[in-house]
Amino acid sequence: QVKLQEFGGGLVQPGDSLNLSCTAIGRTFGNYDMGWFRQGSGSARDFVAAISHADDRQTYKNSVKGRFIISRDNAKNTVYLQMHNLEPEDAGTYYCAQTTRPFYRGPYAEYDFGYWGQGTQVIVSS
């Protein structure tokens, strides 16, 4: 059984940084691309960032380029999302996801990810 669990959400002020992590178990972690999605209040889930299984390609939503960094540690079955200079528009529930297909490498759409965590909430407010 595949399980993903996010950690690290919380309340921060605009301009602050916050680090999220996600641990996945149940499949060979290093074979699958990982992604982060955000769902704001009353809105659909939105792609934020993804990283290839081999950790050699990172893809970002335009609005987070230069502020967010996605990384992974295959030995720890963990993917990370460093978020810097947070804006109120970054608030929402952040979901970690794992691609359905192994060795995929993108491009990424929500339907490429078959496994999801429960989400962790990020609040950006002064």
Protein backbone atom coordinates (compact mmCIF):
# COMPACT_ATOMS: atom_id res chain seq x y z
CA GLN A 1 0.00 0.00 0.00
CA VAL A 2 1.36 3.39 -1.00
CA LYS A 3 1.20 6.08 1.66
CA LEU A 4 2.37 9.67 1.52
CA GLN A 5 2.56 11.96 4.53
CA GLU A 6 3.32 15.66 4.51
CA PHE A 7 4.97 17.59 7.32
CA GLY A 8 5.81 21.20 8.00
CA GLY A 9 2.78 23.37 7.38
CA GLY A 10 1.97 26.30 9.60
CA LEU A 11 1.28 30.00 9.98
CA VAL A 12 3.84 32.44 8.67
CA GLN A 13 3.96 36.12 7.78
CA PRO A 14 4.44 37.45 4.26
CA GLY A 15 8.11 37.34 3.35
CA ASP A 16 8.85 34.42 5.66
CA SER A 17 10.15 31.00 4.69
CA LEU A 18 8.69 27.58 5.39
CA ASN A 19 9.92 24.09 4.63
CA LEU A 20 7.64 21.20 3.80
CA SER A 21 8.59 17.56 3.60
CA CYS A 22 6.81 14.42 2.48
CA THR A 23 7.67 10.81 3.12
CA ALA A 24 6.39 8.10 0.80
CA ILE A 25 6.31 4.38 1.43
CA GLY A 26 5.00 1.39 -0.44
CA ARG A 27 6.92 1.58 -3.72
CA THR A 28 10.55 2.05 -4.68
CA PHE A 29 10.74 5.79 -4.05
CA GLY A 30 13.64 6.43 -6.42
CA ASN A 31 11.67 5.14 -9.40
CA TYR A 32 8.94 7.80 -9.27
CA ASP A 33 8.72 11.51 -9.89
CA MET A 34 7.31 13.53 -7.01
CA GLY A 35 5.24 16.68 -7.00
CA TRP A 36 3.70 19.33 -4.82
CA PHE A 37 0.27 20.81 -5.42
CA ARG A 38 -1.61 23.59 -3.66
CA GLN A 39 -5.31 24.04 -3.13
CA GLY A 40 -6.49 27.41 -2.00
CA SER A 41 -9.80 28.11 -0.36
CA GLY A 42 -12.58 27.56 -2.86
CA SER A 43 -10.24 26.76 -5.72
CA ALA A 44 -9.04 23.73 -7.60
CA ARG A 45 -5.78 21.95 -6.81
CA ASP A 46 -2.93 23.63 -8.62
CA PHE A 47 0.52 22.37 -9.64
CA VAL A 48 3.41 23.94 -7.72
CA ALA A 49 6.54 21.92 -8.43
CA ALA A 50 7.79 18.50 -9.43
CA ILE A 51 11.08 16.66 -9.42
CA SER A 52 12.16 13.75 -11.55
CA HIS A 53 12.87 10.35 -10.02
CA ALA A 54 16.60 10.74 -10.69
CA ASP A 55 16.68 14.20 -9.10
CA ASP A 56 17.98 15.74 -12.33
CA ARG A 57 15.01 17.82 -13.41
CA GLN A 58 12.87 20.25 -11.45
CA THR A 59 9.74 21.91 -12.80
CA TYR A 60 8.00 24.88 -11.21
CA LYS A 61 4.84 26.90 -11.57
CA ASN A 62 5.87 30.31 -12.92
CA SER A 63 4.70 32.22 -9.86
CA VAL A 64 7.03 30.28 -7.52
CA LYS A 65 10.17 30.22 -9.67
CA GLY A 66 13.06 31.74 -7.78
CA ARG A 67 11.21 31.45 -4.45
CA PHE A 68 10.51 27.73 -4.04
CA ILE A 69 12.96 24.84 -4.27
CA ILE A 70 11.95 21.22 -4.63
CA SER A 71 14.45 18.51 -3.73
CA ARG A 72 14.48 14.89 -2.75
CA ASP A 73 16.48 12.36 -0.80
CA ASN A 74 15.88 8.92 -2.26
CA ALA A 75 17.70 7.25 0.62
CA LYS A 76 15.13 8.74 3.01
CA ASN A 77 12.09 8.31 0.74
CA THR A 78 11.47 12.01 1.19
CA VAL A 79 10.73 14.99 -1.01
CA TYR A 80 11.08 18.56 0.22
CA LEU A 81 9.68 21.93 -0.70
CA GLN A 82 11.56 24.98 0.52
CA MET A 83 9.35 28.05 0.26
CA HIS A 84 10.90 31.49 0.55
CA ASN A 85 9.50 35.01 0.43
CA LEU A 86 6.01 33.66 0.93
CA GLU A 87 3.07 35.66 -0.33
CA PRO A 88 -0.56 35.56 0.79
CA GLU A 89 -1.38 33.95 -2.56
CA ASP A 90 0.81 30.97 -1.59
CA ALA A 91 -1.54 30.03 1.23
CA GLY A 92 -3.52 26.85 1.01
CA THR A 93 -3.33 23.15 1.58
CA TYR A 94 -0.20 21.64 0.10
CA TYR A 95 -0.35 18.09 -1.18
CA CYS A 96 2.52 15.80 -1.93
CA ALA A 97 2.00 13.43 -4.84
CA GLN A 98 3.78 10.57 -6.57
CA THR A 99 3.48 9.72 -10.26
CA THR A 100 1.63 6.63 -11.30
CA ARG A 101 4.22 5.67 -13.91
CA PRO A 102 7.84 4.95 -12.98
CA PHE A 103 10.69 6.85 -14.68
CA TYR A 104 8.23 9.39 -16.09
CA ARG A 105 10.14 12.77 -16.18
CA GLY A 106 7.15 14.93 -17.13
CA PRO A 107 5.52 17.05 -18.46
CA TYR A 108 3.26 17.06 -15.45
CA ALA A 109 -0.47 17.24 -15.04
CA GLU A 110 -2.54 16.33 -12.03
CA TYR A 111 -3.67 13.09 -13.64
CA ASP A 112 -0.04 11.93 -13.89
CA PHE A 113 0.02 11.61 -10.12
CA GLY A 114 -1.85 8.61 -8.79
CA TYR A 115 -0.90 8.78 -5.14
CA TRP A 116 -1.52 11.66 -2.77
CA GLY A 117 -0.91 12.67 0.80
CA GLN A 118 -3.55 14.11 3.11
CA GLY A 119 -2.18 17.62 2.77
CA THR A 120 -0.66 20.15 5.12
CA GLN A 121 -1.98 23.66 5.57
CA VAL A 122 0.07 26.77 4.94
CA ILE A 123 -1.30 30.08 6.16
CA VAL A 124 0.39 33.30 5.09
CA SER A 125 -0.95 36.21 7.02
CA SER A 126 0.27 39.30 8.82
